[in-house]
PDB file of N, CA and C in Angstrom:
ATOM      1  N   MET A   1      13.350  34.252 -29.619  1.00  0.00           N
ATOM      2  CA  MET A   1      12.133  34.753 -29.022  1.00  0.00           C
ATOM      3  C   MET A   1      11.003  33.739 -29.141  1.00  0.00           C
ATOM      4  N   SER A   2      11.069  32.880 -30.154  1.00  0.00           N
ATOM      5  CA  SER A   2      10.003  31.901 -30.335  1.00  0.00           C
ATOM      6  C   SER A   2      10.109  30.754 -29.324  1.00  0.00           C
ATOM      7  N   LEU A   3      11.234  30.638 -28.631  1.00  0.00           N
ATOM      8  CA  LEU A   3      11.384  29.588 -27.632  1.00  0.00           C
ATOM      9  C   LEU A   3      10.473  29.844 -26.417  1.00  0.00           C
ATOM     10  N   MET A   4      10.295  31.082 -26.075  1.00  0.00           N
ATOM     11  CA  MET A   4       9.492  31.413 -24.893  1.00  0.00           C
ATOM     12  C   MET A   4       8.045  30.955 -25.060  1.00  0.00           C
ATOM     13  N   PRO A   5       7.338  31.273 -26.126  1.00  0.00           N
ATOM     14  CA  PRO A   5       5.962  30.788 -26.266  1.00  0.00           C
ATOM     15  C   PRO A   5       5.893  29.262 -26.312  1.00  0.00           C
ATOM     16  N   ARG A   6       6.866  28.613 -26.950  1.00  0.00           N
ATOM     17  CA  ARG A   6       6.870  27.159 -27.051  1.00  0.00           C
ATOM     18  C   ARG A   6       7.068  26.551 -25.663  1.00  0.00           C
ATOM     19  N   ALA A   7       7.977  27.141 -24.875  1.00  0.00           N
ATOM     20  CA  ALA A   7       8.220  26.641 -23.519  1.00  0.00           C
ATOM     21  C   ALA A   7       6.976  26.828 -22.654  1.00  0.00           C
ATOM     22  N   LEU A   8       6.308  27.965 -22.797  1.00  0.00           N
ATOM     23  CA  LEU A   8       5.084  28.203 -22.032  1.00  0.00           C
ATOM     24  C   LEU A   8       3.971  27.240 -22.458  1.00  0.00           C
ATOM     25  N   THR A   9       3.921  26.930 -23.732  1.00  0.00           N
ATOM     26  CA  THR A   9       2.919  25.982 -24.223  1.00  0.00           C
ATOM     27  C   THR A   9       3.168  24.600 -23.623  1.00  0.00           C
ATOM     28  N   ARG A  10       4.431  24.170 -23.622  1.00  0.00           N
ATOM     29  CA  ARG A  10       4.756  22.861 -23.027  1.00  0.00           C
ATOM     30  C   ARG A  10       4.455  22.856 -21.537  1.00  0.00           C
ATOM     31  N   LEU A  11       4.807  23.925 -20.854  1.00  0.00           N
ATOM     32  CA  LEU A  11       4.545  24.021 -19.420  1.00  0.00           C
ATOM     33  C   LEU A  11       3.041  24.002 -19.162  1.00  0.00           C
ATOM     34  N   GLY A  12       2.297  24.764 -19.961  1.00  0.00           N
ATOM     35  CA  GLY A  12       0.838  24.802 -19.811  1.00  0.00           C
ATOM     36  C   GLY A  12       0.218  23.426 -20.045  1.00  0.00           C
ATOM     37  N   ARG A  13       0.737  22.709 -21.029  1.00  0.00           N
ATOM     38  CA  ARG A  13       0.224  21.377 -21.327  1.00  0.00           C
ATOM     39  C   ARG A  13       0.502  20.430 -20.164  1.00  0.00           C
ATOM     40  N   ARG A  14       1.718  20.508 -19.611  1.00  0.00           N
ATOM     41  CA  ARG A  14       2.071  19.645 -18.470  1.00  0.00           C
ATOM     42  C   ARG A  14       1.223  19.965 -17.254  1.00  0.00           C
ATOM     43  N   VAL A  15       0.955  21.243 -17.033  1.00  0.00           N
ATOM     44  CA  VAL A  15       0.111  21.637 -15.895  1.00  0.00           C
ATOM     45  C   VAL A  15      -1.297  21.092 -16.083  1.00  0.00           C
ATOM     46  N   LEU A  16      -1.814  21.150 -17.289  1.00  0.00           N
ATOM     47  CA  LEU A  16      -3.160  20.636 -17.555  1.00  0.00           C
ATOM     48  C   LEU A  16      -3.224  19.110 -17.465  1.00  0.00           C
ATOM     49  N   GLU A  17      -2.133  18.432 -17.813  1.00  0.00           N
ATOM     50  CA  GLU A  17      -2.106  16.969 -17.793  1.00  0.00           C
ATOM     51  C   GLU A  17      -1.797  16.405 -16.407  1.00  0.00           C
ATOM     52  N   TRP A  18      -1.283  17.235 -15.513  1.00  0.00           N
ATOM     53  CA  TRP A  18      -0.840  16.764 -14.205  1.00  0.00           C
ATOM     54  C   TRP A  18      -1.910  16.005 -13.416  1.00  0.00           C
ATOM     55  N   PRO A  19      -3.152  16.512 -13.296  1.00  0.00           N
ATOM     56  CA  PRO A  19      -4.136  15.761 -12.498  1.00  0.00           C
ATOM     57  C   PRO A  19      -4.383  14.353 -13.034  1.00  0.00           C
ATOM     58  N   THR A  20      -4.463  14.217 -14.339  1.00  0.00           N
ATOM     59  CA  THR A  20      -4.691  12.900 -14.942  1.00  0.00           C
ATOM     60  C   THR A  20      -3.498  11.996 -14.721  1.00  0.00           C
ATOM     61  N   THR A  21      -2.318  12.521 -14.921  1.00  0.00           N
ATOM     62  CA  THR A  21      -1.107  11.728 -14.722  1.00  0.00           C
ATOM     63  C   THR A  21      -0.976  11.295 -13.271  1.00  0.00           C
ATOM     64  N   ALA A  22      -1.250  12.188 -12.348  1.00  0.00           N
ATOM     65  CA  ALA A  22      -1.159  11.864 -10.925  1.00  0.00           C
ATOM     66  C   ALA A  22      -2.181  10.792 -10.547  1.00  0.00           C
ATOM     67  N   GLN A  23      -3.399  10.891 -11.088  1.00  0.00           N
ATOM     68  CA  GLN A  23      -4.442   9.896 -10.800  1.00  0.00           C
ATOM     69  C   GLN A  23      -4.046   8.533 -11.348  1.00  0.00           C
ATOM     70  N   GLU A  24      -3.495   8.502 -12.544  1.00  0.00           N
ATOM     71  CA  GLU A  24      -3.070   7.221 -13.133  1.00  0.00           C
ATOM     72  C   GLU A  24      -1.956   6.597 -12.312  1.00  0.00           C
ATOM     73  N   GLN A  25      -1.016   7.384 -11.845  1.00  0.00           N
ATOM     74  CA  GLN A  25       0.078   6.857 -11.019  1.00  0.00           C
ATOM     75  C   GLN A  25      -0.455   6.352  -9.688  1.00  0.00           C
ATOM     76  N   ALA A  26      -1.383   7.095  -9.096  1.00  0.00           N
ATOM     77  CA  ALA A  26      -1.980   6.650  -7.821  1.00  0.00           C
ATOM     78  C   ALA A  26      -2.722   5.328  -8.009  1.00  0.00           C
ATOM     79  N   ARG A  27      -3.420   5.191  -9.125  1.00  0.00           N
ATOM     80  CA  ARG A  27      -4.135   3.953  -9.403  1.00  0.00           C
ATOM     81  C   ARG A  27      -3.162   2.786  -9.565  1.00  0.00           C
ATOM     82  N   ARG A  28      -2.061   3.019 -10.270  1.00  0.00           N
ATOM     83  CA  ARG A  28      -1.035   1.962 -10.423  1.00  0.00           C
ATOM     84  C   ARG A  28      -0.467   1.583  -9.067  1.00  0.00           C
ATOM     85  N   ASN A  29      -0.171   2.578  -8.238  1.00  0.00           N
ATOM     86  CA  ASN A  29       0.354   2.289  -6.903  1.00  0.00           C
ATOM     87  C   ASN A  29      -0.636   1.462  -6.088  1.00  0.00           C
ATOM     88  N   ALA A  30      -1.912   1.794  -6.180  1.00  0.00           N
ATOM     89  CA  ALA A  30      -2.941   1.052  -5.444  1.00  0.00           C
ATOM     90  C   ALA A  30      -3.028  -0.392  -5.934  1.00  0.00           C
ATOM     91  N   MET A  31      -2.910  -0.599  -7.237  1.00  0.00           N
ATOM     92  CA  MET A  31      -2.969  -1.962  -7.775  1.00  0.00           C
ATOM     93  C   MET A  31      -1.770  -2.777  -7.311  1.00  0.00           C
ATOM     94  N   VAL A  32      -0.598  -2.167  -7.285  1.00  0.00           N
ATOM     95  CA  VAL A  32       0.604  -2.866  -6.810  1.00  0.00           C
ATOM     96  C   VAL A  32       0.442  -3.229  -5.338  1.00  0.00           C
ATOM     97  N   ALA A  33      -0.068  -2.300  -4.541  1.00  0.00           N
ATOM     98  CA  ALA A  33      -0.257  -2.566  -3.119  1.00  0.00           C
ATOM     99  C   ALA A  33      -1.303  -3.657  -2.900  1.00  0.00           C
ATOM    100  N   ALA A  34      -2.381  -3.620  -3.655  1.00  0.00           N
ATOM    101  CA  ALA A  34      -3.427  -4.638  -3.511  1.00  0.00           C
ATOM    102  C   ALA A  34      -2.892  -6.012  -3.897  1.00  0.00           C
ATOM    103  N   THR A  35      -2.073  -6.068  -4.929  1.00  0.00           N
ATOM    104  CA  THR A  35      -1.476  -7.343  -5.346  1.00  0.00           C
ATOM    105  C   THR A  35      -0.555  -7.876  -4.271  1.00  0.00           C
ATOM    106  N   ALA A  36       0.254  -7.016  -3.685  1.00  0.00           N
ATOM    107  CA  ALA A  36       1.166  -7.441  -2.606  1.00  0.00           C
ATOM    108  C   ALA A  36       0.377  -7.960  -1.414  1.00  0.00           C
ATOM    109  N   CYS A  37      -0.708  -7.269  -1.057  1.00  0.00           N
ATOM    110  CA  CYS A  37      -1.539  -7.716   0.069  1.00  0.00           C
ATOM    111  C   CYS A  37      -2.174  -9.075  -0.237  1.00  0.00           C
ATOM    112  N   ALA A  38      -2.656  -9.249  -1.452  1.00  0.00           N
ATOM    113  CA  ALA A  38      -3.282 -10.525  -1.833  1.00  0.00           C
ATOM    114  C   ALA A  38      -2.267 -11.655  -1.796  1.00  0.00           C
ATOM    115  N   GLU A  39      -1.033 -11.385  -2.239  1.00  0.00           N
ATOM    116  CA  GLU A  39       0.013 -12.414  -2.192  1.00  0.00           C
ATOM    117  C   GLU A  39       0.339 -12.788  -0.747  1.00  0.00           C
ATOM    118  N   ARG A  40       0.454 -11.788   0.128  1.00  0.00           N
ATOM    119  CA  ARG A  40       0.736 -12.082   1.546  1.00  0.00           C
ATOM    120  C   ARG A  40      -0.398 -12.866   2.176  1.00  0.00           C
ATOM    121  N   ARG A  41      -1.628 -12.495   1.834  1.00  0.00           N
ATOM    122  CA  ARG A  41      -2.788 -13.213   2.382  1.00  0.00           C
ATOM    123  C   ARG A  41      -2.772 -14.667   1.908  1.00  0.00           C
ATOM    124  N   ALA A  42      -2.486 -14.881   0.626  1.00  0.00           N
ATOM    125  CA  ALA A  42      -2.424 -16.251   0.088  1.00  0.00           C
ATOM    126  C   ALA A  42      -1.322 -17.043   0.786  1.00  0.00           C
ATOM    127  N   ASP A  43      -0.170 -16.426   0.999  1.00  0.00           N
ATOM    128  CA  ASP A  43       0.928 -17.106   1.698  1.00  0.00           C
ATOM    129  C   ASP A  43       0.513 -17.463   3.126  1.00  0.00           C
ATOM    130  N   ARG A  44      -0.116 -16.529   3.800  1.00  0.00           N
ATOM    131  CA  ARG A  44      -0.560 -16.762   5.180  1.00  0.00           C
ATOM    132  C   ARG A  44      -1.564 -17.919   5.239  1.00  0.00           C
ATOM    133  N   GLU A  45      -2.513 -17.936   4.297  1.00  0.00           N
ATOM    134  CA  GLU A  45      -3.510 -19.000   4.263  1.00  0.00           C
ATOM    135  C   GLU A  45      -2.868 -20.347   3.955  1.00  0.00           C
ATOM    136  N   GLU A  46      -1.868 -20.335   3.083  1.00  0.00           N
ATOM    137  CA  GLU A  46      -1.155 -21.582   2.758  1.00  0.00           C
ATOM    138  C   GLU A  46      -0.438 -22.126   3.995  1.00  0.00           C
ATOM    139  N   VAL A  47       0.209 -21.252   4.750  1.00  0.00           N
ATOM    140  CA  VAL A  47       0.894 -21.679   5.971  1.00  0.00           C
ATOM    141  C   VAL A  47      -0.113 -22.190   6.988  1.00  0.00           C
ATOM    142  N   GLU A  48      -1.260 -21.516   7.132  1.00  0.00           N
ATOM    143  CA  GLU A  48      -2.282 -21.975   8.063  1.00  0.00           C
ATOM    144  C   GLU A  48      -2.791 -23.361   7.675  1.00  0.00           C
ATOM    145  N   ARG A  49      -3.021 -23.592   6.367  1.00  0.00           N
ATOM    146  CA  ARG A  49      -3.473 -24.922   5.919  1.00  0.00           C
ATOM    147  C   ARG A  49      -2.413 -25.985   6.222  1.00  0.00           C
ATOM    148  N   PHE A  50      -1.154 -25.646   5.980  1.00  0.00           N
ATOM    149  CA  PHE A  50      -0.059 -26.583   6.238  1.00  0.00           C
ATOM    150  C   PHE A  50       0.005 -26.931   7.732  1.00  0.00           C
ATOM    151  N   LEU A  51      -0.039 -25.904   8.574  1.00  0.00           N
ATOM    152  CA  LEU A  51       0.036 -26.158  10.022  1.00  0.00           C
ATOM    153  C   LEU A  51      -1.184 -26.931  10.522  1.00  0.00           C
ATOM    154  N   THR A  52      -2.352 -26.611   9.984  1.00  0.00           N
ATOM    155  CA  THR A  52      -3.561 -27.316  10.384  1.00  0.00           C
ATOM    156  C   THR A  52      -3.461 -28.789   9.964  1.00  0.00           C
ATOM    157  N   ALA A  53      -2.945 -29.044   8.767  1.00  0.00           N
ATOM    158  CA  ALA A  53      -2.796 -30.415   8.293  1.00  0.00           C
ATOM    159  C   ALA A  53      -1.828 -31.191   9.186  1.00  0.00           C
ATOM    160  N   ARG A  54      -0.830 -30.525   9.748  1.00  0.00           N
ATOM    161  CA  ARG A  54       0.124 -31.168  10.648  1.00  0.00           C
ATOM    162  C   ARG A  54      -0.414 -31.256  12.062  1.00  0.00           C
ATOM    163  N   GLY A  55      -1.563 -30.643  12.310  1.00  0.00           N
ATOM    164  CA  GLY A  55      -2.161 -30.666  13.629  1.00  0.00           C
ATOM    165  C   GLY A  55      -1.630 -29.610  14.569  1.00  0.00           C
ATOM    166  N   GLU A  56      -0.888 -28.649  14.038  1.00  0.00           N
ATOM    167  CA  GLU A  56      -0.302 -27.613  14.897  1.00  0.00           C
ATOM    168  C   GLU A  56      -1.176 -26.366  14.953  1.00  0.00           C
ATOM    169  N   GLY A  57      -1.913 -26.085  13.932  1.00  0.00           N
ATOM    170  CA  GLY A  57      -2.785 -24.920  13.903  1.00  0.00           C
ATOM    171  C   GLY A  57      -2.009 -23.608  13.978  1.00  0.00           C
ATOM    172  N   PRO A  58      -2.646 -22.528  13.536  1.00  0.00           N
ATOM    173  CA  PRO A  58      -1.992 -21.212  13.586  1.00  0.00           C
ATOM    174  C   PRO A  58      -1.941 -20.676  15.014  1.00  0.00           C
ATOM    175  N   ALA A  59      -1.040 -19.745  15.247  1.00  0.00           N
ATOM    176  CA  ALA A  59      -0.923 -19.099  16.552  1.00  0.00           C
ATOM    177  C   ALA A  59      -2.167 -18.241  16.782  1.00  0.00           C
ATOM    178  N   ALA A  60      -2.552 -18.089  18.026  1.00  0.00           N
ATOM    179  CA  ALA A  60      -3.716 -17.265  18.351  1.00  0.00           C
ATOM    180  C   ALA A  60      -3.400 -15.809  18.051  1.00  0.00           C
ATOM    181  N   PRO A  61      -4.328 -15.107  17.390  1.00  0.00           N
ATOM    182  CA  PRO A  61      -4.081 -13.688  17.112  1.00  0.00           C
ATOM    183  C   PRO A  61      -4.146 -12.853  18.387  1.00  0.00           C
ATOM    184  N   THR A  62      -3.466 -11.729  18.341  1.00  0.00           N
ATOM    185  CA  THR A  62      -3.491 -10.801  19.482  1.00  0.00           C
ATOM    186  C   THR A  62      -4.837 -10.088  19.491  1.00  0.00           C
ATOM    187  N   PRO A  63      -5.541 -10.071  20.639  1.00  0.00           N
ATOM    188  CA  PRO A  63      -6.816  -9.343  20.682  1.00  0.00           C
ATOM    189  C   PRO A  63      -6.597  -7.869  20.350  1.00  0.00           C
ATOM    190  N   PRO A  64      -7.536  -7.245  19.627  1.00  0.00           N
ATOM    191  CA  PRO A  64      -7.370  -5.838  19.206  1.00  0.00           C
ATOM    192  C   PRO A  64      -7.094  -4.882  20.365  1.00  0.00           C
ATOM    193  N   GLU A  65      -7.740  -5.092  21.503  1.00  0.00           N
ATOM    194  CA  GLU A  65      -7.534  -4.156  22.607  1.00  0.00           C
ATOM    195  C   GLU A  65      -6.099  -4.233  23.141  1.00  0.00           C
ATOM    196  N   VAL A  66      -5.482  -5.410  23.097  1.00  0.00           N
ATOM    197  CA  VAL A  66      -4.086  -5.547  23.533  1.00  0.00           C
ATOM    198  C   VAL A  66      -3.169  -4.896  22.508  1.00  0.00           C
ATOM    199  N   ALA A  67      -3.441  -5.108  21.234  1.00  0.00           N
ATOM    200  CA  ALA A  67      -2.627  -4.516  20.177  1.00  0.00           C
ATOM    201  C   ALA A  67      -2.677  -2.992  20.251  1.00  0.00           C
ATOM    202  N   GLU A  68      -3.859  -2.435  20.500  1.00  0.00           N
ATOM    203  CA  GLU A  68      -4.004  -0.978  20.601  1.00  0.00           C
ATOM    204  C   GLU A  68      -3.222  -0.449  21.799  1.00  0.00           C
ATOM    205  N   ARG A  69      -3.291  -1.161  22.937  1.00  0.00           N
ATOM    206  CA  ARG A  69      -2.562  -0.739  24.125  1.00  0.00           C
ATOM    207  C   ARG A  69      -1.059  -0.750  23.850  1.00  0.00           C
ATOM    208  N   ASP A  70      -0.592  -1.802  23.157  1.00  0.00           N
ATOM    209  CA  ASP A  70       0.837  -1.892  22.839  1.00  0.00           C
ATOM    210  C   ASP A  70       1.254  -0.769  21.902  1.00  0.00           C
ATOM    211  N   ASP A  71       0.409  -0.443  20.926  1.00  0.00           N
ATOM    212  CA  ASP A  71       0.710   0.647  19.986  1.00  0.00           C
ATOM    213  C   ASP A  71       0.779   1.974  20.723  1.00  0.00           C
ATOM    214  N   ASP A  72      -0.160   2.201  21.645  1.00  0.00           N
ATOM    215  CA  ASP A  72      -0.177   3.451  22.399  1.00  0.00           C
ATOM    216  C   ASP A  72       1.074   3.566  23.275  1.00  0.00           C
ATOM    217  N   ALA A  73       1.459   2.480  23.897  1.00  0.00           N
ATOM    218  CA  ALA A  73       2.636   2.498  24.782  1.00  0.00           C
ATOM    219  C   ALA A  73       3.908   2.748  23.980  1.00  0.00           C
ATOM    220  N   SER A  74       4.028   2.098  22.822  1.00  0.00           N
ATOM    221  CA  SER A  74       5.250   2.302  22.016  1.00  0.00           C
ATOM    222  C   SER A  74       5.280   3.694  21.435  1.00  0.00           C
ATOM    223  N   ALA A  75       4.147   4.298  21.148  1.00  0.00           N
ATOM    224  CA  ALA A  75       4.113   5.661  20.622  1.00  0.00           C
ATOM    225  C   ALA A  75       4.551   6.656  21.688  1.00  0.00           C
ATOM    226  N   ARG A  76       4.195   6.384  22.940  1.00  0.00           N
ATOM    227  CA  ARG A  76       4.583   7.302  24.019  1.00  0.00           C
ATOM    228  C   ARG A  76       6.092   7.249  24.257  1.00  0.00           C
ATOM    229  N   HIS A  77       6.699   6.079  24.035  1.00  0.00           N
ATOM    230  CA  HIS A  77       8.129   5.928  24.303  1.00  0.00           C
ATOM    231  C   HIS A  77       8.996   6.313  23.117  1.00  0.00           C
ATOM    232  N   ALA A  78       8.399   6.571  21.976  1.00  0.00           N
ATOM    233  CA  ALA A  78       9.184   6.894  20.767  1.00  0.00           C
ATOM    234  C   ALA A  78       9.649   8.330  20.775  1.00  0.00           C
TER     235      ALA A  78
END
């Protein structure tokens, strides 16, 4: 009979700790994502410097209005 109150106490404690635990996990996920983005940005900048040094330069970016049109068209066909 003493197992029931102990189980409820553990469950109650986990329920109370859940918001903090979830926030900490979300923060860790955000830090991992930010690190990955920073690494990709650094790689991209390194490639741009290399190509510029060779006189080739980076490819021209797609104008936003063209990218949006392409996204809309692919969404309609999906």
